[in-house]
Amino acid sequence: MGKTLQPTHLRNTVDSILAFGFGAGLSKFAPGTVGTIAAVPLVWFLSYLPAYLYLTLVFVGLAFGIGICERVSVRLGEADPSSIVWDEIIGFAIAMSFAPKILILWLAGFFIFRFFDILKPWPIKMVERKYSGGFGIMLDDVIAGFFTFLVLQLLVFYVV
């Protein structure tokens, strides 16, 4: 059995650069949170695109992310390495779809997404246990993003 590669050994591949969220996932403290922080300016910038283009890029990021996360997790020898944060980036992009550019709403979106991603209420935990590989890595964050999207849309409808 070969030696397990560490994230630092994979920095020079396109897959790993994306999977590690351009380096955010290599944080020794709370890599998922750091990955989501890195997603904020990227998603904010993308939110200026027309909705059809934004959603197309999110879908493409999700589709490619399944393969990216699969390949990097296999190279690392772990089922769901914490250094892989591409799933947080896509999950946050889903969460912030159609969100007005109101700072307090984006802060709420960040914290609500982290809540769902960390605590994994039903059915997120069930999905995380049932599915593995790149699909499993991505799916729990997609659901967390969708739940966050729903909460934010309710906030926009009733509060904003």
N, C-alpha and C. Protein backbone atom coordinates (compact mmCIF):
# COMPACT_ATOMS: atom_id res chain seq x y z
N MET A 1 0.85 -1.17 0.00
CA MET A 1 0.00 0.00 0.00
C MET A 1 0.89 1.23 0.00
N GLY A 2 0.59 2.18 -0.86
CA GLY A 2 1.40 3.38 -1.00
C GLY A 2 1.13 4.40 0.09
N LYS A 3 2.03 5.32 0.19
CA LYS A 3 1.90 6.40 1.16
C LYS A 3 0.79 7.35 0.73
N THR A 4 -0.05 7.76 1.67
CA THR A 4 -1.12 8.71 1.38
C THR A 4 -0.52 10.08 1.08
N LEU A 5 -0.94 10.66 -0.02
CA LEU A 5 -0.47 11.99 -0.39
C LEU A 5 -1.12 13.04 0.49
N GLN A 6 -0.41 14.07 0.79
CA GLN A 6 -0.93 15.19 1.54
C GLN A 6 -1.34 16.28 0.55
N PRO A 7 -2.27 17.16 0.94
CA PRO A 7 -2.73 18.21 0.02
C PRO A 7 -1.60 19.02 -0.60
N THR A 8 -0.54 19.25 0.14
CA THR A 8 0.55 20.06 -0.39
C THR A 8 1.23 19.40 -1.58
N HIS A 9 1.13 18.07 -1.70
CA HIS A 9 1.73 17.36 -2.83
C HIS A 9 0.89 17.48 -4.10
N LEU A 10 -0.30 17.99 -3.97
CA LEU A 10 -1.22 18.05 -5.11
C LEU A 10 -1.47 19.47 -5.60
N ARG A 11 -0.76 20.43 -5.08
CA ARG A 11 -1.05 21.84 -5.38
C ARG A 11 -0.92 22.20 -6.85
N ASN A 12 -0.15 21.48 -7.61
CA ASN A 12 0.15 21.90 -8.97
C ASN A 12 -0.76 21.31 -10.03
N THR A 13 -1.81 20.61 -9.65
CA THR A 13 -2.74 20.10 -10.64
C THR A 13 -3.98 21.00 -10.69
N VAL A 14 -4.57 21.12 -11.86
CA VAL A 14 -5.77 21.95 -12.00
C VAL A 14 -6.87 21.41 -11.08
N ASP A 15 -7.03 20.09 -11.05
CA ASP A 15 -8.04 19.49 -10.17
C ASP A 15 -7.85 19.93 -8.73
N SER A 16 -6.62 19.84 -8.25
CA SER A 16 -6.38 20.17 -6.84
C SER A 16 -6.52 21.66 -6.57
N ILE A 17 -6.11 22.49 -7.49
CA ILE A 17 -6.26 23.94 -7.30
C ILE A 17 -7.74 24.28 -7.12
N LEU A 18 -8.59 23.70 -7.95
CA LEU A 18 -10.03 23.93 -7.82
C LEU A 18 -10.59 23.25 -6.57
N ALA A 19 -10.25 21.98 -6.36
CA ALA A 19 -10.78 21.24 -5.21
C ALA A 19 -10.42 21.92 -3.90
N PHE A 20 -9.20 22.45 -3.80
CA PHE A 20 -8.76 23.12 -2.58
C PHE A 20 -9.19 24.58 -2.53
N GLY A 21 -10.07 24.98 -3.44
CA GLY A 21 -10.59 26.35 -3.43
C GLY A 21 -9.49 27.38 -3.56
N PHE A 22 -8.58 27.13 -4.51
CA PHE A 22 -7.47 28.06 -4.78
C PHE A 22 -6.58 28.24 -3.54
N GLY A 23 -6.53 27.20 -2.71
CA GLY A 23 -5.68 27.20 -1.52
C GLY A 23 -6.43 27.38 -0.22
N ALA A 24 -7.67 27.82 -0.26
CA ALA A 24 -8.44 28.06 0.97
C ALA A 24 -8.61 26.77 1.78
N GLY A 25 -8.77 25.66 1.11
CA GLY A 25 -8.98 24.38 1.80
C GLY A 25 -7.74 23.87 2.52
N LEU A 26 -6.60 24.48 2.27
CA LEU A 26 -5.37 24.06 2.94
C LEU A 26 -5.21 24.71 4.31
N SER A 27 -6.19 25.52 4.70
CA SER A 27 -6.17 26.15 6.03
C SER A 27 -6.16 25.06 7.10
N LYS A 28 -5.35 25.23 8.10
CA LYS A 28 -5.29 24.27 9.20
C LYS A 28 -6.48 24.43 10.15
N PHE A 29 -7.12 25.59 10.11
CA PHE A 29 -8.27 25.86 10.97
C PHE A 29 -9.52 26.04 10.13
N ALA A 30 -10.53 25.21 10.33
CA ALA A 30 -11.85 25.33 9.70
C ALA A 30 -11.77 25.52 8.19
N PRO A 31 -11.20 24.56 7.46
CA PRO A 31 -11.05 24.74 6.01
C PRO A 31 -12.38 24.95 5.27
N GLY A 32 -13.46 24.33 5.74
CA GLY A 32 -14.76 24.53 5.09
C GLY A 32 -15.24 25.96 5.22
N THR A 33 -15.04 26.54 6.38
CA THR A 33 -15.42 27.93 6.60
C THR A 33 -14.53 28.86 5.78
N VAL A 34 -13.23 28.57 5.77
CA VAL A 34 -12.30 29.39 4.98
C VAL A 34 -12.65 29.26 3.49
N GLY A 35 -13.01 28.06 3.05
CA GLY A 35 -13.42 27.86 1.66
C GLY A 35 -14.67 28.66 1.33
N THR A 36 -15.61 28.72 2.26
CA THR A 36 -16.82 29.50 2.04
C THR A 36 -16.49 30.99 2.02
N ILE A 37 -15.59 31.43 2.90
CA ILE A 37 -15.15 32.83 2.87
C ILE A 37 -14.54 33.17 1.51
N ALA A 38 -13.74 32.24 0.98
CA ALA A 38 -13.14 32.46 -0.35
C ALA A 38 -14.21 32.52 -1.44
N ALA A 39 -15.31 31.81 -1.22
CA ALA A 39 -16.39 31.78 -2.21
C ALA A 39 -17.14 33.11 -2.28
N VAL A 40 -17.18 33.84 -1.18
CA VAL A 40 -18.01 35.06 -1.12
C VAL A 40 -17.67 36.05 -2.24
N PRO A 41 -16.42 36.50 -2.39
CA PRO A 41 -16.16 37.47 -3.47
C PRO A 41 -16.37 36.88 -4.86
N LEU A 42 -16.07 35.61 -5.03
CA LEU A 42 -16.28 34.96 -6.33
C LEU A 42 -17.76 34.94 -6.68
N VAL A 43 -18.59 34.52 -5.74
CA VAL A 43 -20.03 34.44 -5.98
C VAL A 43 -20.63 35.85 -6.12
N TRP A 44 -20.14 36.81 -5.33
CA TRP A 44 -20.60 38.20 -5.45
C TRP A 44 -20.34 38.69 -6.87
N PHE A 45 -19.14 38.46 -7.38
CA PHE A 45 -18.78 38.87 -8.74
C PHE A 45 -19.68 38.17 -9.76
N LEU A 46 -19.86 36.86 -9.60
CA LEU A 46 -20.70 36.10 -10.54
C LEU A 46 -22.15 36.55 -10.50
N SER A 47 -22.59 37.08 -9.36
CA SER A 47 -23.99 37.48 -9.23
C SER A 47 -24.35 38.66 -10.12
N TYR A 48 -23.36 39.32 -10.68
CA TYR A 48 -23.63 40.41 -11.63
C TYR A 48 -23.93 39.89 -13.03
N LEU A 49 -23.72 38.61 -13.25
CA LEU A 49 -24.02 38.01 -14.56
C LEU A 49 -25.53 37.84 -14.71
N PRO A 50 -26.00 37.74 -15.95
CA PRO A 50 -27.42 37.41 -16.14
C PRO A 50 -27.73 36.06 -15.47
N ALA A 51 -28.94 35.92 -14.97
CA ALA A 51 -29.32 34.72 -14.22
C ALA A 51 -29.04 33.43 -14.98
N TYR A 52 -29.33 33.39 -16.27
CA TYR A 52 -29.12 32.16 -17.04
C TYR A 52 -27.64 31.79 -17.08
N LEU A 53 -26.77 32.79 -17.17
CA LEU A 53 -25.33 32.53 -17.21
C LEU A 53 -24.81 32.12 -15.83
N TYR A 54 -25.28 32.79 -14.80
CA TYR A 54 -24.92 32.44 -13.42
C TYR A 54 -25.28 30.98 -13.14
N LEU A 55 -26.52 30.62 -13.42
CA LEU A 55 -26.97 29.25 -13.15
C LEU A 55 -26.24 28.23 -14.02
N THR A 56 -25.93 28.61 -15.26
CA THR A 56 -25.15 27.71 -16.12
C THR A 56 -23.78 27.46 -15.52
N LEU A 57 -23.11 28.51 -15.04
CA LEU A 57 -21.79 28.35 -14.44
C LEU A 57 -21.86 27.53 -13.16
N VAL A 58 -22.90 27.71 -12.36
CA VAL A 58 -23.07 26.91 -11.15
C VAL A 58 -23.26 25.44 -11.52
N PHE A 59 -24.10 25.18 -12.52
CA PHE A 59 -24.34 23.81 -12.95
C PHE A 59 -23.07 23.17 -13.50
N VAL A 60 -22.32 23.91 -14.31
CA VAL A 60 -21.06 23.40 -14.85
C VAL A 60 -20.07 23.15 -13.71
N GLY A 61 -20.01 24.08 -12.75
CA GLY A 61 -19.14 23.90 -11.59
C GLY A 61 -19.51 22.68 -10.78
N LEU A 62 -20.80 22.41 -10.68
CA LEU A 62 -21.27 21.22 -9.98
C LEU A 62 -20.89 19.95 -10.75
N ALA A 63 -21.18 19.95 -12.03
CA ALA A 63 -20.90 18.77 -12.85
C ALA A 63 -19.41 18.44 -12.87
N PHE A 64 -18.58 19.44 -13.13
CA PHE A 64 -17.14 19.21 -13.12
C PHE A 64 -16.64 18.93 -11.71
N GLY A 65 -17.27 19.53 -10.72
CA GLY A 65 -16.86 19.34 -9.33
C GLY A 65 -16.97 17.91 -8.86
N ILE A 66 -17.96 17.19 -9.36
CA ILE A 66 -18.10 15.78 -8.98
C ILE A 66 -16.84 15.02 -9.37
N GLY A 67 -16.39 15.21 -10.59
CA GLY A 67 -15.17 14.53 -11.06
C GLY A 67 -13.92 15.03 -10.36
N ILE A 68 -13.84 16.35 -10.18
CA ILE A 68 -12.68 16.95 -9.52
C ILE A 68 -12.55 16.41 -8.09
N CYS A 69 -13.64 16.44 -7.35
CA CYS A 69 -13.61 15.98 -5.96
C CYS A 69 -13.32 14.48 -5.89
N GLU A 70 -13.85 13.73 -6.83
CA GLU A 70 -13.58 12.29 -6.88
C GLU A 70 -12.09 12.03 -7.07
N ARG A 71 -11.51 12.65 -8.08
CA ARG A 71 -10.09 12.40 -8.39
C ARG A 71 -9.17 12.83 -7.26
N VAL A 72 -9.41 13.99 -6.69
CA VAL A 72 -8.53 14.49 -5.63
C VAL A 72 -8.71 13.66 -4.35
N SER A 73 -9.93 13.28 -4.02
CA SER A 73 -10.13 12.46 -2.81
C SER A 73 -9.46 11.10 -2.97
N VAL A 74 -9.52 10.53 -4.16
CA VAL A 74 -8.85 9.25 -4.41
C VAL A 74 -7.34 9.42 -4.25
N ARG A 75 -6.78 10.50 -4.83
CA ARG A 75 -5.33 10.73 -4.70
C ARG A 75 -4.92 10.95 -3.25
N LEU A 76 -5.82 11.56 -2.46
CA LEU A 76 -5.51 11.78 -1.05
C LEU A 76 -5.74 10.52 -0.21
N GLY A 77 -6.51 9.59 -0.76
CA GLY A 77 -6.80 8.36 -0.02
C GLY A 77 -7.81 8.56 1.09
N GLU A 78 -8.69 9.56 0.94
CA GLU A 78 -9.72 9.84 1.94
C GLU A 78 -11.08 9.97 1.25
N ALA A 79 -12.13 9.58 1.97
CA ALA A 79 -13.47 9.62 1.38
C ALA A 79 -13.97 11.05 1.17
N ASP A 80 -13.77 11.91 2.15
CA ASP A 80 -14.24 13.30 2.06
C ASP A 80 -13.26 14.19 2.81
N PRO A 81 -12.11 14.46 2.19
CA PRO A 81 -11.08 15.25 2.87
C PRO A 81 -11.56 16.67 3.16
N SER A 82 -11.24 17.17 4.34
CA SER A 82 -11.66 18.52 4.71
C SER A 82 -10.98 19.58 3.85
N SER A 83 -9.86 19.23 3.22
CA SER A 83 -9.14 20.19 2.37
C SER A 83 -9.88 20.45 1.05
N ILE A 84 -10.79 19.56 0.67
CA ILE A 84 -11.60 19.79 -0.53
C ILE A 84 -12.74 20.72 -0.16
N VAL A 85 -12.74 21.91 -0.77
CA VAL A 85 -13.76 22.91 -0.47
C VAL A 85 -14.52 23.38 -1.71
N TRP A 86 -14.27 22.74 -2.85
CA TRP A 86 -15.02 23.09 -4.06
C TRP A 86 -16.52 22.92 -3.80
N ASP A 87 -16.88 21.92 -3.00
CA ASP A 87 -18.28 21.68 -2.67
C ASP A 87 -18.87 22.86 -1.90
N GLU A 88 -18.09 23.49 -1.01
CA GLU A 88 -18.56 24.68 -0.31
C GLU A 88 -18.76 25.84 -1.28
N ILE A 89 -17.86 25.98 -2.23
CA ILE A 89 -17.97 27.08 -3.19
C ILE A 89 -19.25 26.94 -4.01
N ILE A 90 -19.51 25.75 -4.52
CA ILE A 90 -20.72 25.52 -5.32
C ILE A 90 -21.96 25.61 -4.43
N GLY A 91 -21.90 25.05 -3.23
CA GLY A 91 -23.03 25.13 -2.31
C GLY A 91 -23.39 26.57 -1.98
N PHE A 92 -22.37 27.40 -1.73
CA PHE A 92 -22.63 28.81 -1.44
C PHE A 92 -23.19 29.53 -2.67
N ALA A 93 -22.70 29.17 -3.84
CA ALA A 93 -23.23 29.78 -5.07
C ALA A 93 -24.71 29.44 -5.25
N ILE A 94 -25.08 28.22 -4.91
CA ILE A 94 -26.50 27.83 -4.97
C ILE A 94 -27.29 28.64 -3.94
N ALA A 95 -26.73 28.75 -2.74
CA ALA A 95 -27.40 29.47 -1.65
C ALA A 95 -27.70 30.91 -2.03
N MET A 96 -26.78 31.55 -2.73
CA MET A 96 -26.90 32.98 -3.01
C MET A 96 -27.55 33.27 -4.37
N SER A 97 -28.03 32.25 -5.04
CA SER A 97 -28.72 32.47 -6.32
C SER A 97 -29.89 33.44 -6.13
N PHE A 98 -29.93 34.47 -6.95
CA PHE A 98 -30.99 35.46 -6.97
C PHE A 98 -31.06 36.32 -5.70
N ALA A 99 -30.02 36.25 -4.86
CA ALA A 99 -30.02 37.06 -3.63
C ALA A 99 -29.71 38.51 -3.98
N PRO A 100 -30.50 39.44 -3.45
CA PRO A 100 -30.18 40.85 -3.66
C PRO A 100 -28.81 41.17 -3.05
N LYS A 101 -28.14 42.13 -3.60
CA LYS A 101 -26.81 42.52 -3.11
C LYS A 101 -26.95 43.45 -1.91
N ILE A 102 -27.39 42.86 -0.81
CA ILE A 102 -27.54 43.56 0.46
C ILE A 102 -26.58 42.87 1.43
N LEU A 103 -25.62 43.61 1.94
CA LEU A 103 -24.54 43.04 2.74
C LEU A 103 -25.05 42.17 3.88
N ILE A 104 -26.03 42.64 4.63
CA ILE A 104 -26.54 41.87 5.77
C ILE A 104 -27.17 40.56 5.31
N LEU A 105 -27.79 40.56 4.15
CA LEU A 105 -28.38 39.35 3.61
C LEU A 105 -27.29 38.35 3.21
N TRP A 106 -26.19 38.85 2.64
CA TRP A 106 -25.08 37.98 2.27
C TRP A 106 -24.39 37.42 3.51
N LEU A 107 -24.27 38.23 4.55
CA LEU A 107 -23.72 37.72 5.81
C LEU A 107 -24.63 36.64 6.38
N ALA A 108 -25.93 36.88 6.35
CA ALA A 108 -26.88 35.87 6.80
C ALA A 108 -26.74 34.61 5.97
N GLY A 109 -26.62 34.77 4.65
CA GLY A 109 -26.45 33.61 3.78
C GLY A 109 -25.21 32.81 4.14
N PHE A 110 -24.12 33.51 4.42
CA PHE A 110 -22.88 32.83 4.82
C PHE A 110 -23.11 32.00 6.08
N PHE A 111 -23.69 32.61 7.12
CA PHE A 111 -23.86 31.90 8.39
C PHE A 111 -24.92 30.81 8.31
N ILE A 112 -25.97 31.03 7.56
CA ILE A 112 -27.00 29.99 7.40
C ILE A 112 -26.42 28.80 6.64
N PHE A 113 -25.65 29.09 5.59
CA PHE A 113 -25.02 28.00 4.84
C PHE A 113 -24.06 27.22 5.73
N ARG A 114 -23.23 27.91 6.51
CA ARG A 114 -22.31 27.21 7.40
C ARG A 114 -23.08 26.38 8.43
N PHE A 115 -24.21 26.91 8.93
CA PHE A 115 -25.05 26.17 9.87
C PHE A 115 -25.48 24.83 9.26
N PHE A 116 -26.06 24.89 8.06
CA PHE A 116 -26.52 23.66 7.42
C PHE A 116 -25.36 22.74 7.07
N ASP A 117 -24.24 23.30 6.65
CA ASP A 117 -23.10 22.48 6.24
C ASP A 117 -22.41 21.82 7.44
N ILE A 118 -22.36 22.50 8.56
CA ILE A 118 -21.68 21.94 9.73
C ILE A 118 -22.59 21.00 10.51
N LEU A 119 -23.81 21.43 10.81
CA LEU A 119 -24.70 20.61 11.64
C LEU A 119 -25.39 19.50 10.86
N LYS A 120 -25.52 19.67 9.56
CA LYS A 120 -26.09 18.66 8.68
C LYS A 120 -27.42 18.08 9.19
N PRO A 121 -28.45 18.94 9.32
CA PRO A 121 -29.76 18.40 9.72
C PRO A 121 -30.31 17.49 8.62
N TRP A 122 -31.34 16.71 8.99
CA TRP A 122 -31.96 15.81 8.02
C TRP A 122 -32.44 16.63 6.84
N PRO A 123 -32.29 16.19 5.64
CA PRO A 123 -31.74 14.92 5.15
C PRO A 123 -30.26 15.00 4.79
N ILE A 124 -29.59 16.10 5.13
CA ILE A 124 -28.20 16.27 4.70
C ILE A 124 -27.32 15.16 5.27
N LYS A 125 -27.45 14.85 6.55
CA LYS A 125 -26.63 13.82 7.18
C LYS A 125 -26.89 12.46 6.54
N MET A 126 -28.16 12.17 6.26
CA MET A 126 -28.52 10.90 5.62
C MET A 126 -27.86 10.79 4.24
N VAL A 127 -27.91 11.87 3.48
CA VAL A 127 -27.30 11.89 2.15
C VAL A 127 -25.79 11.71 2.25
N GLU A 128 -25.18 12.39 3.22
CA GLU A 128 -23.73 12.28 3.40
C GLU A 128 -23.32 10.84 3.70
N ARG A 129 -24.13 10.14 4.48
CA ARG A 129 -23.82 8.75 4.83
C ARG A 129 -24.08 7.79 3.67
N LYS A 130 -25.08 8.10 2.86
CA LYS A 130 -25.51 7.18 1.81
C LYS A 130 -24.64 7.25 0.55
N TYR A 131 -24.17 8.43 0.20
CA TYR A 131 -23.44 8.61 -1.05
C TYR A 131 -21.97 8.90 -0.78
N SER A 132 -21.13 8.36 -1.64
CA SER A 132 -19.69 8.56 -1.47
C SER A 132 -19.08 9.07 -2.77
N GLY A 133 -17.79 9.21 -2.75
CA GLY A 133 -17.08 9.69 -3.93
C GLY A 133 -17.38 11.15 -4.19
N GLY A 134 -17.04 11.59 -5.38
CA GLY A 134 -17.24 12.98 -5.75
C GLY A 134 -18.70 13.40 -5.66
N PHE A 135 -19.61 12.49 -6.03
CA PHE A 135 -21.04 12.80 -5.96
C PHE A 135 -21.45 13.06 -4.51
N GLY A 136 -21.01 12.21 -3.60
CA GLY A 136 -21.35 12.38 -2.19
C GLY A 136 -20.73 13.63 -1.59
N ILE A 137 -19.48 13.92 -1.97
CA ILE A 137 -18.81 15.12 -1.48
C ILE A 137 -19.61 16.36 -1.87
N MET A 138 -20.07 16.40 -3.11
CA MET A 138 -20.79 17.57 -3.60
C MET A 138 -22.23 17.64 -3.09
N LEU A 139 -22.91 16.50 -3.01
CA LEU A 139 -24.35 16.50 -2.79
C LEU A 139 -24.77 17.11 -1.45
N ASP A 140 -24.07 16.81 -0.37
CA ASP A 140 -24.50 17.36 0.92
C ASP A 140 -24.40 18.89 0.93
N ASP A 141 -23.41 19.45 0.24
CA ASP A 141 -23.29 20.91 0.18
C ASP A 141 -24.30 21.52 -0.79
N VAL A 142 -24.66 20.79 -1.82
CA VAL A 142 -25.72 21.25 -2.72
C VAL A 142 -27.03 21.37 -1.94
N ILE A 143 -27.32 20.38 -1.12
CA ILE A 143 -28.55 20.42 -0.33
C ILE A 143 -28.48 21.54 0.71
N ALA A 144 -27.33 21.69 1.36
CA ALA A 144 -27.16 22.80 2.32
C ALA A 144 -27.35 24.14 1.61
N GLY A 145 -26.82 24.25 0.39
CA GLY A 145 -27.00 25.47 -0.39
C GLY A 145 -28.46 25.70 -0.75
N PHE A 146 -29.16 24.64 -1.12
CA PHE A 146 -30.57 24.77 -1.47
C PHE A 146 -31.41 25.17 -0.25
N PHE A 147 -31.13 24.56 0.91
CA PHE A 147 -31.85 24.95 2.13
C PHE A 147 -31.59 26.41 2.46
N THR A 148 -30.34 26.84 2.33
CA THR A 148 -29.99 28.23 2.58
C THR A 148 -30.72 29.14 1.60
N PHE A 149 -30.76 28.75 0.35
CA PHE A 149 -31.49 29.51 -0.68
C PHE A 149 -32.94 29.71 -0.25
N LEU A 150 -33.58 28.63 0.21
CA LEU A 150 -34.99 28.73 0.62
C LEU A 150 -35.15 29.68 1.80
N VAL A 151 -34.28 29.58 2.80
CA VAL A 151 -34.37 30.47 3.96
C VAL A 151 -34.17 31.92 3.52
N LEU A 152 -33.18 32.16 2.66
CA LEU A 152 -32.93 33.53 2.20
C LEU A 152 -34.10 34.08 1.39
N GLN A 153 -34.71 33.26 0.58
CA GLN A 153 -35.86 33.72 -0.20
C GLN A 153 -37.02 34.08 0.72
N LEU A 154 -37.20 33.32 1.79
CA LEU A 154 -38.24 33.66 2.77
C LEU A 154 -37.90 34.98 3.47
N LEU A 155 -36.62 35.18 3.81
CA LEU A 155 -36.20 36.44 4.42
C LEU A 155 -36.44 37.62 3.47
N VAL A 156 -36.10 37.43 2.21
CA VAL A 156 -36.30 38.50 1.23
C VAL A 156 -37.79 38.81 1.10
N PHE A 157 -38.61 37.77 1.04
CA PHE A 157 -40.04 37.96 0.84
C PHE A 157 -40.69 38.63 2.04
N TYR A 158 -40.32 38.19 3.27
CA TYR A 158 -41.01 38.69 4.45
C TYR A 158 -40.33 39.86 5.15
N VAL A 159 -39.04 40.06 4.92
CA VAL A 159 -38.31 41.07 5.70
C VAL A 159 -37.80 42.21 4.83
N VAL A 160 -37.19 41.89 3.72
CA VAL A 160 -36.51 42.91 2.91
C VAL A 160 -37.50 43.71 2.10
